[in-house]
Amino acid sequence: MAWTPQPPAPAQIHPAEAHRLAAAGEALLLDVREPEEHAELHAPGALLLPLGDLGTTRSPDAVRAAAGGRLVLAVCRSGHRSQTATELLNAHGVPTVNVVGGMRAWLRDGLPAHRDGCRCGGAI
């Protein structure tokens, strides 16, 4: 059977679907906010990689390795920084989708979040 190229992943995903994929282990949730923001509030299992570090102290290859072949879902506070991270990672061949509305939308949708210094997701 001949190889058939897959259509590109959508550029955006809603928080509920992002949560479902990450919880099922089908995607890596990448928090691109600052460490203080992540420590204050973050989605369960989200790995921290501040946008300012992406491409400087941490390369897209580190994200690719952490994802282990899974889709990367970038999240920030409102969806702007994560959109920038999505574009950068996709340009480097790391399939990435932006979580629309960021953590603000995540909370509005009633999805689980860790608060007050929990560092349970780790960092890249």
PDB file of N, CA and C in Angstrom:
ATOM      1  N   MET A   1       0.837  -1.173   0.000  1.00  0.00           N
ATOM      2  CA  MET A   1       0.000   0.000   0.000  1.00  0.00           C
ATOM      3  C   MET A   1       0.885   1.241   0.000  1.00  0.00           C
ATOM      4  N   ALA A   2       0.573   2.196  -0.845  1.00  0.00           N
ATOM      5  CA  ALA A   2       1.370   3.414  -0.975  1.00  0.00           C
ATOM      6  C   ALA A   2       1.131   4.345   0.211  1.00  0.00           C
ATOM      7  N   TRP A   3       2.174   5.057   0.561  1.00  0.00           N
ATOM      8  CA  TRP A   3       2.080   6.043   1.633  1.00  0.00           C
ATOM      9  C   TRP A   3       1.199   7.189   1.179  1.00  0.00           C
ATOM     10  N   THR A   4       0.290   7.596   2.051  1.00  0.00           N
ATOM     11  CA  THR A   4      -0.603   8.713   1.766  1.00  0.00           C
ATOM     12  C   THR A   4      -0.309   9.808   2.773  1.00  0.00           C
ATOM     13  N   PRO A   5       0.038  11.006   2.312  1.00  0.00           N
ATOM     14  CA  PRO A   5       0.304  12.078   3.269  1.00  0.00           C
ATOM     15  C   PRO A   5      -0.941  12.415   4.065  1.00  0.00           C
ATOM     16  N   GLN A   6      -0.716  12.691   5.335  1.00  0.00           N
ATOM     17  CA  GLN A   6      -1.816  13.072   6.217  1.00  0.00           C
ATOM     18  C   GLN A   6      -2.061  14.573   6.109  1.00  0.00           C
ATOM     19  N   PRO A   7      -3.324  14.993   6.244  1.00  0.00           N
ATOM     20  CA  PRO A   7      -3.581  16.434   6.228  1.00  0.00           C
ATOM     21  C   PRO A   7      -2.926  17.085   7.437  1.00  0.00           C
ATOM     22  N   PRO A   8      -2.547  18.345   7.316  1.00  0.00           N
ATOM     23  CA  PRO A   8      -1.923  19.012   8.462  1.00  0.00           C
ATOM     24  C   PRO A   8      -2.891  19.107   9.634  1.00  0.00           C
ATOM     25  N   ALA A   9      -2.328  19.088  10.830  1.00  0.00           N
ATOM     26  CA  ALA A   9      -3.147  19.224  12.038  1.00  0.00           C
ATOM     27  C   ALA A   9      -3.769  20.616  12.062  1.00  0.00           C
ATOM     28  N   PRO A  10      -4.925  20.749  12.671  1.00  0.00           N
ATOM     29  CA  PRO A  10      -5.521  22.079  12.758  1.00  0.00           C
ATOM     30  C   PRO A  10      -4.605  23.008  13.544  1.00  0.00           C
ATOM     31  N   ALA A  11      -4.656  24.283  13.222  1.00  0.00           N
ATOM     32  CA  ALA A  11      -3.790  25.257  13.875  1.00  0.00           C
ATOM     33  C   ALA A  11      -4.239  25.547  15.296  1.00  0.00           C
ATOM     34  N   GLN A  12      -5.501  25.248  15.618  1.00  0.00           N
ATOM     35  CA  GLN A  12      -6.034  25.547  16.942  1.00  0.00           C
ATOM     36  C   GLN A  12      -6.864  24.383  17.463  1.00  0.00           C
ATOM     37  N   ILE A  13      -6.948  24.314  18.782  1.00  0.00           N
ATOM     38  CA  ILE A  13      -7.756  23.294  19.428  1.00  0.00           C
ATOM     39  C   ILE A  13      -8.421  23.932  20.637  1.00  0.00           C
ATOM     40  N   HIS A  14      -9.633  23.503  20.927  1.00  0.00           N
ATOM     41  CA  HIS A  14     -10.336  24.023  22.095  1.00  0.00           C
ATOM     42  C   HIS A  14      -9.836  23.328  23.360  1.00  0.00           C
ATOM     43  N   PRO A  15      -9.887  24.014  24.493  1.00  0.00           N
ATOM     44  CA  PRO A  15      -9.345  23.448  25.727  1.00  0.00           C
ATOM     45  C   PRO A  15      -9.891  22.071  26.097  1.00  0.00           C
ATOM     46  N   ALA A  16     -11.184  21.845  25.936  1.00  0.00           N
ATOM     47  CA  ALA A  16     -11.742  20.540  26.321  1.00  0.00           C
ATOM     48  C   ALA A  16     -11.123  19.408  25.508  1.00  0.00           C
ATOM     49  N   GLU A  17     -10.923  19.623  24.214  1.00  0.00           N
ATOM     50  CA  GLU A  17     -10.307  18.597  23.373  1.00  0.00           C
ATOM     51  C   GLU A  17      -8.823  18.449  23.725  1.00  0.00           C
ATOM     52  N   ALA A  18      -8.158  19.564  24.023  1.00  0.00           N
ATOM     53  CA  ALA A  18      -6.754  19.507  24.438  1.00  0.00           C
ATOM     54  C   ALA A  18      -6.617  18.688  25.722  1.00  0.00           C
ATOM     55  N   HIS A  19      -7.507  18.942  26.659  1.00  0.00           N
ATOM     56  CA  HIS A  19      -7.484  18.194  27.925  1.00  0.00           C
ATOM     57  C   HIS A  19      -7.696  16.702  27.669  1.00  0.00           C
ATOM     58  N   ARG A  20      -8.648  16.368  26.818  1.00  0.00           N
ATOM     59  CA  ARG A  20      -8.938  14.967  26.516  1.00  0.00           C
ATOM     60  C   ARG A  20      -7.712  14.277  25.917  1.00  0.00           C
ATOM     61  N   LEU A  21      -7.084  14.927  24.933  1.00  0.00           N
ATOM     62  CA  LEU A  21      -5.911  14.335  24.278  1.00  0.00           C
ATOM     63  C   LEU A  21      -4.736  14.192  25.239  1.00  0.00           C
ATOM     64  N   ALA A  22      -4.484  15.223  26.037  1.00  0.00           N
ATOM     65  CA  ALA A  22      -3.363  15.175  26.984  1.00  0.00           C
ATOM     66  C   ALA A  22      -3.611  14.119  28.064  1.00  0.00           C
ATOM     67  N   ALA A  23      -4.828  14.063  28.589  1.00  0.00           N
ATOM     68  CA  ALA A  23      -5.153  13.092  29.636  1.00  0.00           C
ATOM     69  C   ALA A  23      -5.054  11.660  29.123  1.00  0.00           C
ATOM     70  N   ALA A  24      -5.340  11.454  27.857  1.00  0.00           N
ATOM     71  CA  ALA A  24      -5.259  10.121  27.253  1.00  0.00           C
ATOM     72  C   ALA A  24      -3.834   9.760  26.842  1.00  0.00           C
ATOM     73  N   GLY A  25      -2.898  10.699  27.003  1.00  0.00           N
ATOM     74  CA  GLY A  25      -1.514  10.444  26.623  1.00  0.00           C
ATOM     75  C   GLY A  25      -1.266  10.559  25.128  1.00  0.00           C
ATOM     76  N   GLU A  26      -2.222  11.121  24.409  1.00  0.00           N
ATOM     77  CA  GLU A  26      -2.104  11.249  22.958  1.00  0.00           C
ATOM     78  C   GLU A  26      -1.420  12.542  22.525  1.00  0.00           C
ATOM     79  N   ALA A  27      -1.221  13.465  23.464  1.00  0.00           N
ATOM     80  CA  ALA A  27      -0.596  14.750  23.144  1.00  0.00           C
ATOM     81  C   ALA A  27       0.202  15.232  24.345  1.00  0.00           C
ATOM     82  N   LEU A  28       1.192  16.063  24.070  1.00  0.00           N
ATOM     83  CA  LEU A  28       1.991  16.708  25.112  1.00  0.00           C
ATOM     84  C   LEU A  28       1.482  18.132  25.278  1.00  0.00           C
ATOM     85  N   LEU A  29       1.092  18.488  26.487  1.00  0.00           N
ATOM     86  CA  LEU A  29       0.655  19.846  26.775  1.00  0.00           C
ATOM     87  C   LEU A  29       1.878  20.659  27.191  1.00  0.00           C
ATOM     88  N   LEU A  30       2.182  21.698  26.423  1.00  0.00           N
ATOM     89  CA  LEU A  30       3.371  22.520  26.633  1.00  0.00           C
ATOM     90  C   LEU A  30       2.957  23.916  27.067  1.00  0.00           C
ATOM     91  N   ASP A  31       3.262  24.277  28.300  1.00  0.00           N
ATOM     92  CA  ASP A  31       2.934  25.586  28.860  1.00  0.00           C
ATOM     93  C   ASP A  31       4.086  26.531  28.539  1.00  0.00           C
ATOM     94  N   VAL A  32       3.809  27.582  27.757  1.00  0.00           N
ATOM     95  CA  VAL A  32       4.870  28.491  27.319  1.00  0.00           C
ATOM     96  C   VAL A  32       4.870  29.803  28.107  1.00  0.00           C
ATOM     97  N   ARG A  33       4.205  29.815  29.266  1.00  0.00           N
ATOM     98  CA  ARG A  33       4.204  31.001  30.123  1.00  0.00           C
ATOM     99  C   ARG A  33       5.486  31.044  30.959  1.00  0.00           C
ATOM    100  N   GLU A  34       5.588  32.042  31.797  1.00  0.00           N
ATOM    101  CA  GLU A  34       6.736  32.183  32.685  1.00  0.00           C
ATOM    102  C   GLU A  34       6.600  31.237  33.878  1.00  0.00           C
ATOM    103  N   PRO A  35       7.725  30.878  34.517  1.00  0.00           N
ATOM    104  CA  PRO A  35       7.670  29.941  35.647  1.00  0.00           C
ATOM    105  C   PRO A  35       6.721  30.368  36.767  1.00  0.00           C
ATOM    106  N   GLU A  36       6.649  31.661  37.057  1.00  0.00           N
ATOM    107  CA  GLU A  36       5.766  32.133  38.124  1.00  0.00           C
ATOM    108  C   GLU A  36       4.298  31.882  37.774  1.00  0.00           C
ATOM    109  N   GLU A  37       3.949  32.105  36.508  1.00  0.00           N
ATOM    110  CA  GLU A  37       2.573  31.880  36.061  1.00  0.00           C
ATOM    111  C   GLU A  37       2.230  30.393  36.150  1.00  0.00           C
ATOM    112  N   HIS A  38       3.159  29.559  35.717  1.00  0.00           N
ATOM    113  CA  HIS A  38       2.958  28.111  35.737  1.00  0.00           C
ATOM    114  C   HIS A  38       2.804  27.614  37.175  1.00  0.00           C
ATOM    115  N   ALA A  39       3.651  28.123  38.081  1.00  0.00           N
ATOM    116  CA  ALA A  39       3.591  27.694  39.479  1.00  0.00           C
ATOM    117  C   ALA A  39       2.264  28.106  40.117  1.00  0.00           C
ATOM    118  N   GLU A  40       1.741  29.247  39.725  1.00  0.00           N
ATOM    119  CA  GLU A  40       0.483  29.742  40.286  1.00  0.00           C
ATOM    120  C   GLU A  40      -0.712  28.906  39.819  1.00  0.00           C
ATOM    121  N   LEU A  41      -0.692  28.504  38.533  1.00  0.00           N
ATOM    122  CA  LEU A  41      -1.823  27.791  37.955  1.00  0.00           C
ATOM    123  C   LEU A  41      -1.390  27.120  36.661  1.00  0.00           C
ATOM    124  N   HIS A  42      -1.670  25.828  36.536  1.00  0.00           N
ATOM    125  CA  HIS A  42      -1.380  25.150  35.269  1.00  0.00           C
ATOM    126  C   HIS A  42      -2.256  23.918  35.105  1.00  0.00           C
ATOM    127  N   ALA A  43      -2.361  23.474  33.874  1.00  0.00           N
ATOM    128  CA  ALA A  43      -3.124  22.275  33.554  1.00  0.00           C
ATOM    129  C   ALA A  43      -2.352  21.049  34.033  1.00  0.00           C
ATOM    130  N   PRO A  44      -3.059  20.016  34.469  1.00  0.00           N
ATOM    131  CA  PRO A  44      -2.384  18.790  34.917  1.00  0.00           C
ATOM    132  C   PRO A  44      -1.470  18.219  33.831  1.00  0.00           C
ATOM    133  N   GLY A  45      -0.245  17.892  34.247  1.00  0.00           N
ATOM    134  CA  GLY A  45       0.699  17.267  33.334  1.00  0.00           C
ATOM    135  C   GLY A  45       1.400  18.204  32.367  1.00  0.00           C
ATOM    136  N   ALA A  46       1.058  19.484  32.385  1.00  0.00           N
ATOM    137  CA  ALA A  46       1.681  20.427  31.450  1.00  0.00           C
ATOM    138  C   ALA A  46       3.164  20.586  31.763  1.00  0.00           C
ATOM    139  N   LEU A  47       3.983  20.504  30.723  1.00  0.00           N
ATOM    140  CA  LEU A  47       5.415  20.757  30.869  1.00  0.00           C
ATOM    141  C   LEU A  47       5.676  22.228  30.599  1.00  0.00           C
ATOM    142  N   LEU A  48       6.571  22.793  31.358  1.00  0.00           N
ATOM    143  CA  LEU A  48       6.889  24.212  31.238  1.00  0.00           C
ATOM    144  C   LEU A  48       8.079  24.442  30.315  1.00  0.00           C
ATOM    145  N   LEU A  49       7.899  25.332  29.372  1.00  0.00           N
ATOM    146  CA  LEU A  49       8.987  25.833  28.529  1.00  0.00           C
ATOM    147  C   LEU A  49       8.612  27.257  28.124  1.00  0.00           C
ATOM    148  N   PRO A  50       9.089  28.258  28.886  1.00  0.00           N
ATOM    149  CA  PRO A  50       8.729  29.635  28.571  1.00  0.00           C
ATOM    150  C   PRO A  50       9.060  29.997  27.125  1.00  0.00           C
ATOM    151  N   LEU A  51       8.177  30.752  26.516  1.00  0.00           N
ATOM    152  CA  LEU A  51       8.358  31.141  25.117  1.00  0.00           C
ATOM    153  C   LEU A  51       9.720  31.789  24.899  1.00  0.00           C
ATOM    154  N   GLY A  52      10.175  32.615  25.834  1.00  0.00           N
ATOM    155  CA  GLY A  52      11.467  33.276  25.691  1.00  0.00           C
ATOM    156  C   GLY A  52      12.641  32.316  25.644  1.00  0.00           C
ATOM    157  N   ASP A  53      12.466  31.107  26.176  1.00  0.00           N
ATOM    158  CA  ASP A  53      13.535  30.104  26.162  1.00  0.00           C
ATOM    159  C   ASP A  53      13.503  29.243  24.907  1.00  0.00           C
ATOM    160  N   LEU A  54      12.380  29.239  24.228  1.00  0.00           N
ATOM    161  CA  LEU A  54      12.234  28.390  23.045  1.00  0.00           C
ATOM    162  C   LEU A  54      13.095  28.950  21.917  1.00  0.00           C
ATOM    163  N   GLY A  55      14.039  28.175  21.492  1.00  0.00           N
ATOM    164  CA  GLY A  55      14.946  28.611  20.437  1.00  0.00           C
ATOM    165  C   GLY A  55      16.205  29.272  20.971  1.00  0.00           C
ATOM    166  N   THR A  56      16.260  29.513  22.280  1.00  0.00           N
ATOM    167  CA  THR A  56      17.480  30.079  22.848  1.00  0.00           C
ATOM    168  C   THR A  56      18.145  29.018  23.715  1.00  0.00           C
ATOM    169  N   THR A  57      17.700  28.883  24.966  1.00  0.00           N
ATOM    170  CA  THR A  57      18.306  27.882  25.843  1.00  0.00           C
ATOM    171  C   THR A  57      17.713  26.499  25.630  1.00  0.00           C
ATOM    172  N   ARG A  58      16.540  26.419  25.042  1.00  0.00           N
ATOM    173  CA  ARG A  58      15.891  25.138  24.749  1.00  0.00           C
ATOM    174  C   ARG A  58      15.512  25.122  23.272  1.00  0.00           C
ATOM    175  N   SER A  59      15.839  24.065  22.605  1.00  0.00           N
ATOM    176  CA  SER A  59      15.587  24.007  21.173  1.00  0.00           C
ATOM    177  C   SER A  59      14.294  23.268  20.863  1.00  0.00           C
ATOM    178  N   PRO A  60      13.772  23.478  19.659  1.00  0.00           N
ATOM    179  CA  PRO A  60      12.627  22.673  19.223  1.00  0.00           C
ATOM    180  C   PRO A  60      12.916  21.173  19.295  1.00  0.00           C
ATOM    181  N   ASP A  61      14.187  20.779  19.165  1.00  0.00           N
ATOM    182  CA  ASP A  61      14.533  19.360  19.273  1.00  0.00           C
ATOM    183  C   ASP A  61      14.222  18.813  20.663  1.00  0.00           C
ATOM    184  N   ALA A  62      14.378  19.653  21.704  1.00  0.00           N
ATOM    185  CA  ALA A  62      14.044  19.223  23.066  1.00  0.00           C
ATOM    186  C   ALA A  62      12.544  18.981  23.193  1.00  0.00           C
ATOM    187  N   VAL A  63      11.745  19.813  22.538  1.00  0.00           N
ATOM    188  CA  VAL A  63      10.295  19.633  22.554  1.00  0.00           C
ATOM    189  C   VAL A  63       9.939  18.360  21.797  1.00  0.00           C
ATOM    190  N   ARG A  64      10.562  18.166  20.646  1.00  0.00           N
ATOM    191  CA  ARG A  64      10.310  16.964  19.849  1.00  0.00           C
ATOM    192  C   ARG A  64      10.609  15.713  20.676  1.00  0.00           C
ATOM    193  N   ALA A  65      11.722  15.717  21.381  1.00  0.00           N
ATOM    194  CA  ALA A  65      12.103  14.562  22.196  1.00  0.00           C
ATOM    195  C   ALA A  65      11.103  14.335  23.327  1.00  0.00           C
ATOM    196  N   ALA A  66      10.682  15.403  23.987  1.00  0.00           N
ATOM    197  CA  ALA A  66       9.718  15.280  25.082  1.00  0.00           C
ATOM    198  C   ALA A  66       8.376  14.771  24.580  1.00  0.00           C
ATOM    199  N   ALA A  67       7.997  15.173  23.375  1.00  0.00           N
ATOM    200  CA  ALA A  67       6.716  14.755  22.811  1.00  0.00           C
ATOM    201  C   ALA A  67       6.720  13.280  22.424  1.00  0.00           C
ATOM    202  N   GLY A  68       7.864  12.758  22.064  1.00  0.00           N
ATOM    203  CA  GLY A  68       7.956  11.348  21.712  1.00  0.00           C
ATOM    204  C   GLY A  68       6.995  10.914  20.614  1.00  0.00           C
ATOM    205  N   GLY A  69       6.835  11.763  19.606  1.00  0.00           N
ATOM    206  CA  GLY A  69       5.956  11.434  18.491  1.00  0.00           C
ATOM    207  C   GLY A  69       4.522  11.889  18.662  1.00  0.00           C
ATOM    208  N   ARG A  70       4.192  12.377  19.842  1.00  0.00           N
ATOM    209  CA  ARG A  70       2.832  12.885  20.068  1.00  0.00           C
ATOM    210  C   ARG A  70       2.703  14.312  19.555  1.00  0.00           C
ATOM    211  N   LEU A  71       1.496  14.721  19.301  1.00  0.00           N
ATOM    212  CA  LEU A  71       1.186  16.099  18.947  1.00  0.00           C
ATOM    213  C   LEU A  71       1.487  16.985  20.143  1.00  0.00           C
ATOM    214  N   VAL A  72       2.028  18.178  19.910  1.00  0.00           N
ATOM    215  CA  VAL A  72       2.286  19.149  20.972  1.00  0.00           C
ATOM    216  C   VAL A  72       1.131  20.145  20.986  1.00  0.00           C
ATOM    217  N   LEU A  73       0.610  20.410  22.180  1.00  0.00           N
ATOM    218  CA  LEU A  73      -0.456  21.389  22.369  1.00  0.00           C
ATOM    219  C   LEU A  73       0.115  22.528  23.198  1.00  0.00           C
ATOM    220  N   ALA A  74       0.281  23.702  22.587  1.00  0.00           N
ATOM    221  CA  ALA A  74       0.875  24.849  23.268  1.00  0.00           C
ATOM    222  C   ALA A  74      -0.219  25.658  23.957  1.00  0.00           C
ATOM    223  N   VAL A  75       0.026  26.014  25.222  1.00  0.00           N
ATOM    224  CA  VAL A  75      -0.938  26.787  25.998  1.00  0.00           C
ATOM    225  C   VAL A  75      -0.218  27.911  26.737  1.00  0.00           C
ATOM    226  N   CYS A  76      -0.894  29.039  26.869  1.00  0.00           N
ATOM    227  CA  CYS A  76      -0.380  30.160  27.657  1.00  0.00           C
ATOM    228  C   CYS A  76      -1.557  30.743  28.439  1.00  0.00           C
ATOM    229  N   ARG A  77      -1.514  32.016  28.765  1.00  0.00           N
ATOM    230  CA  ARG A  77      -2.604  32.626  29.529  1.00  0.00           C
ATOM    231  C   ARG A  77      -3.831  32.859  28.670  1.00  0.00           C
ATOM    232  N   SER A  78      -3.627  33.444  27.477  1.00  0.00           N
ATOM    233  CA  SER A  78      -4.784  33.823  26.654  1.00  0.00           C
ATOM    234  C   SER A  78      -4.735  33.283  25.232  1.00  0.00           C
ATOM    235  N   GLY A  79      -3.646  32.668  24.836  1.00  0.00           N
ATOM    236  CA  GLY A  79      -3.535  32.090  23.500  1.00  0.00           C
ATOM    237  C   GLY A  79      -2.606  32.828  22.559  1.00  0.00           C
ATOM    238  N   HIS A  80      -2.044  33.955  22.984  1.00  0.00           N
ATOM    239  CA  HIS A  80      -1.168  34.729  22.099  1.00  0.00           C
ATOM    240  C   HIS A  80       0.258  34.175  22.073  1.00  0.00           C
ATOM    241  N   ARG A  81       0.855  33.992  23.227  1.00  0.00           N
ATOM    242  CA  ARG A  81       2.218  33.437  23.270  1.00  0.00           C
ATOM    243  C   ARG A  81       2.236  32.018  22.722  1.00  0.00           C
ATOM    244  N   SER A  82       1.191  31.265  23.021  1.00  0.00           N
ATOM    245  CA  SER A  82       1.154  29.895  22.525  1.00  0.00           C
ATOM    246  C   SER A  82       0.991  29.845  21.009  1.00  0.00           C
ATOM    247  N   GLN A  83       0.346  30.854  20.423  1.00  0.00           N
ATOM    248  CA  GLN A  83       0.254  30.917  18.962  1.00  0.00           C
ATOM    249  C   GLN A  83       1.643  31.137  18.364  1.00  0.00           C
ATOM    250  N   THR A  84       2.420  32.008  18.982  1.00  0.00           N
ATOM    251  CA  THR A  84       3.798  32.253  18.527  1.00  0.00           C
ATOM    252  C   THR A  84       4.620  30.970  18.648  1.00  0.00           C
ATOM    253  N   ALA A  85       4.485  30.274  19.782  1.00  0.00           N
ATOM    254  CA  ALA A  85       5.215  29.015  19.970  1.00  0.00           C
ATOM    255  C   ALA A  85       4.783  27.978  18.940  1.00  0.00           C
ATOM    256  N   THR A  86       3.496  27.922  18.653  1.00  0.00           N
ATOM    257  CA  THR A  86       2.970  26.988  17.654  1.00  0.00           C
ATOM    258  C   THR A  86       3.611  27.236  16.299  1.00  0.00           C
ATOM    259  N   GLU A  87       3.655  28.491  15.893  1.00  0.00           N
ATOM    260  CA  GLU A  87       4.246  28.837  14.599  1.00  0.00           C
ATOM    261  C   GLU A  87       5.723  28.483  14.557  1.00  0.00           C
ATOM    262  N   LEU A  88       6.444  28.784  15.629  1.00  0.00           N
ATOM    263  CA  LEU A  88       7.877  28.497  15.681  1.00  0.00           C
ATOM    264  C   LEU A  88       8.141  26.996  15.630  1.00  0.00           C
ATOM    265  N   LEU A  89       7.414  26.231  16.437  1.00  0.00           N
ATOM    266  CA  LEU A  89       7.637  24.787  16.472  1.00  0.00           C
ATOM    267  C   LEU A  89       7.244  24.133  15.157  1.00  0.00           C
ATOM    268  N   ASN A  90       6.126  24.527  14.582  1.00  0.00           N
ATOM    269  CA  ASN A  90       5.728  23.967  13.286  1.00  0.00           C
ATOM    270  C   ASN A  90       6.765  24.280  12.212  1.00  0.00           C
ATOM    271  N   ALA A  91       7.347  25.479  12.259  1.00  0.00           N
ATOM    272  CA  ALA A  91       8.373  25.857  11.285  1.00  0.00           C
ATOM    273  C   ALA A  91       9.615  24.974  11.412  1.00  0.00           C
ATOM    274  N   HIS A  92       9.815  24.394  12.603  1.00  0.00           N
ATOM    275  CA  HIS A  92      10.946  23.491  12.839  1.00  0.00           C
ATOM    276  C   HIS A  92      10.528  22.022  12.756  1.00  0.00           C
ATOM    277  N   GLY A  93       9.366  21.765  12.203  1.00  0.00           N
ATOM    278  CA  GLY A  93       8.934  20.386  11.985  1.00  0.00           C
ATOM    279  C   GLY A  93       8.390  19.670  13.198  1.00  0.00           C
ATOM    280  N   VAL A  94       8.006  20.415  14.237  1.00  0.00           N
ATOM    281  CA  VAL A  94       7.404  19.807  15.424  1.00  0.00           C
ATOM    282  C   VAL A  94       5.900  20.072  15.355  1.00  0.00           C
ATOM    283  N   PRO A  95       5.082  19.056  15.056  1.00  0.00           N
ATOM    284  CA  PRO A  95       3.640  19.274  14.921  1.00  0.00           C
ATOM    285  C   PRO A  95       3.037  19.826  16.212  1.00  0.00           C
ATOM    286  N   THR A  96       2.544  21.056  16.128  1.00  0.00           N
ATOM    287  CA  THR A  96       2.062  21.775  17.305  1.00  0.00           C
ATOM    288  C   THR A  96       0.761  22.494  16.977  1.00  0.00           C
ATOM    289  N   VAL A  97      -0.131  22.516  17.967  1.00  0.00           N
ATOM    290  CA  VAL A  97      -1.430  23.162  17.835  1.00  0.00           C
ATOM    291  C   VAL A  97      -1.599  24.111  19.016  1.00  0.00           C
ATOM    292  N   ASN A  98      -2.193  25.261  18.766  1.00  0.00           N
ATOM    293  CA  ASN A  98      -2.441  26.269  19.788  1.00  0.00           C
ATOM    294  C   ASN A  98      -3.748  25.983  20.524  1.00  0.00           C
ATOM    295  N   VAL A  99      -3.713  26.024  21.857  1.00  0.00           N
ATOM    296  CA  VAL A  99      -4.929  25.886  22.658  1.00  0.00           C
ATOM    297  C   VAL A  99      -5.612  27.258  22.698  1.00  0.00           C
ATOM    298  N   VAL A 100      -6.756  27.341  22.026  1.00  0.00           N
ATOM    299  CA  VAL A 100      -7.487  28.603  21.875  1.00  0.00           C
ATOM    300  C   VAL A 100      -7.906  29.160  23.236  1.00  0.00           C
ATOM    301  N   GLY A 101      -7.578  30.421  23.473  1.00  0.00           N
ATOM    302  CA  GLY A 101      -8.000  31.088  24.702  1.00  0.00           C
ATOM    303  C   GLY A 101      -7.143  30.804  25.907  1.00  0.00           C
ATOM    304  N   GLY A 102      -6.168  29.900  25.771  1.00  0.00           N
ATOM    305  CA  GLY A 102      -5.220  29.619  26.835  1.00  0.00           C
ATOM    306  C   GLY A 102      -5.851  29.143  28.134  1.00  0.00           C
ATOM    307  N   MET A 103      -5.163  29.406  29.228  1.00  0.00           N
ATOM    308  CA  MET A 103      -5.636  28.975  30.547  1.00  0.00           C
ATOM    309  C   MET A 103      -6.903  29.715  30.963  1.00  0.00           C
ATOM    310  N   ARG A 104      -7.102  30.905  30.453  1.00  0.00           N
ATOM    311  CA  ARG A 104      -8.360  31.608  30.757  1.00  0.00           C
ATOM    312  C   ARG A 104      -9.544  30.788  30.261  1.00  0.00           C
ATOM    313  N   ALA A 105      -9.477  30.323  29.019  1.00  0.00           N
ATOM    314  CA  ALA A 105     -10.553  29.508  28.454  1.00  0.00           C
ATOM    315  C   ALA A 105     -10.611  28.149  29.150  1.00  0.00           C
ATOM    316  N   TRP A 106      -9.454  27.594  29.484  1.00  0.00           N
ATOM    317  CA  TRP A 106      -9.380  26.311  30.181  1.00  0.00           C
ATOM    318  C   TRP A 106     -10.218  26.382  31.460  1.00  0.00           C
ATOM    319  N   LEU A 107     -10.008  27.432  32.239  1.00  0.00           N
ATOM    320  CA  LEU A 107     -10.747  27.594  33.493  1.00  0.00           C
ATOM    321  C   LEU A 107     -12.222  27.876  33.245  1.00  0.00           C
ATOM    322  N   ARG A 108     -12.528  28.715  32.243  1.00  0.00           N
ATOM    323  CA  ARG A 108     -13.931  28.998  31.904  1.00  0.00           C
ATOM    324  C   ARG A 108     -14.682  27.727  31.543  1.00  0.00           C
ATOM    325  N   ASP A 109     -13.969  26.780  30.919  1.00  0.00           N
ATOM    326  CA  ASP A 109     -14.591  25.514  30.527  1.00  0.00           C
ATOM    327  C   ASP A 109     -14.688  24.534  31.693  1.00  0.00           C
ATOM    328  N   GLY A 110     -14.204  24.936  32.874  1.00  0.00           N
ATOM    329  CA  GLY A 110     -14.301  24.084  34.058  1.00  0.00           C
ATOM    330  C   GLY A 110     -13.350  22.904  34.072  1.00  0.00           C
ATOM    331  N   LEU A 111     -12.255  23.013  33.330  1.00  0.00           N
ATOM    332  CA  LEU A 111     -11.284  21.919  33.265  1.00  0.00           C
ATOM    333  C   LEU A 111     -10.368  21.947  34.488  1.00  0.00           C
ATOM    334  N   PRO A 112      -9.786  20.811  34.857  1.00  0.00           N
ATOM    335  CA  PRO A 112      -8.948  20.763  36.063  1.00  0.00           C
ATOM    336  C   PRO A 112      -7.678  21.582  35.909  1.00  0.00           C
ATOM    337  N   ALA A 113      -7.241  22.135  37.034  1.00  0.00           N
ATOM    338  CA  ALA A 113      -6.004  22.922  37.062  1.00  0.00           C
ATOM    339  C   ALA A 113      -5.365  22.764  38.429  1.00  0.00           C
ATOM    340  N   HIS A 114      -4.035  22.767  38.430  1.00  0.00           N
ATOM    341  CA  HIS A 114      -3.280  22.742  39.680  1.00  0.00           C
ATOM    342  C   HIS A 114      -2.925  24.177  40.038  1.00  0.00           C
ATOM    343  N   ARG A 115      -3.030  24.484  41.330  1.00  0.00           N
ATOM    344  CA  ARG A 115      -2.784  25.856  41.789  1.00  0.00           C
ATOM    345  C   ARG A 115      -1.720  25.889  42.876  1.00  0.00           C
ATOM    346  N   ASP A 116      -1.235  27.118  43.104  1.00  0.00           N
ATOM    347  CA  ASP A 116      -0.400  27.437  44.269  1.00  0.00           C
ATOM    348  C   ASP A 116       0.886  26.637  44.388  1.00  0.00           C
ATOM    349  N   GLY A 117       1.712  26.708  43.376  1.00  0.00           N
ATOM    350  CA  GLY A 117       3.066  26.194  43.491  1.00  0.00           C
ATOM    351  C   GLY A 117       3.273  24.731  43.155  1.00  0.00           C
ATOM    352  N   CYS A 118       2.233  24.002  42.815  1.00  0.00           N
ATOM    353  CA  CYS A 118       2.416  22.599  42.410  1.00  0.00           C
ATOM    354  C   CYS A 118       3.324  22.548  41.190  1.00  0.00           C
ATOM    355  N   ARG A 119       4.390  21.802  41.251  1.00  0.00           N
ATOM    356  CA  ARG A 119       5.313  21.669  40.113  1.00  0.00           C
ATOM    357  C   ARG A 119       5.249  20.248  39.559  1.00  0.00           C
ATOM    358  N   CYS A 120       4.031  19.737  39.478  1.00  0.00           N
ATOM    359  CA  CYS A 120       3.855  18.333  39.125  1.00  0.00           C
ATOM    360  C   CYS A 120       4.044  18.037  37.645  1.00  0.00           C
ATOM    361  N   GLY A 121       3.987  19.031  36.770  1.00  0.00           N
ATOM    362  CA  GLY A 121       4.138  18.766  35.346  1.00  0.00           C
ATOM    363  C   GLY A 121       5.582  18.677  34.904  1.00  0.00           C
ATOM    364  N   GLY A 122       6.461  19.394  35.574  1.00  0.00           N
ATOM    365  CA  GLY A 122       7.858  19.403  35.199  1.00  0.00           C
ATOM    366  C   GLY A 122       8.170  20.461  34.146  1.00  0.00           C
ATOM    367  N   ALA A 123       9.362  20.412  33.638  1.00  0.00           N
ATOM    368  CA  ALA A 123       9.823  21.396  32.666  1.00  0.00           C
ATOM    369  C   ALA A 123      10.688  20.700  31.624  1.00  0.00           C
ATOM    370  N   ILE A 124      10.805  21.355  30.488  1.00  0.00           N
ATOM    371  CA  ILE A 124      11.689  20.856  29.438  1.00  0.00           C
ATOM    372  C   ILE A 124      13.003  21.616  29.559  1.00  0.00           C
TER     373      ILE A 124
END
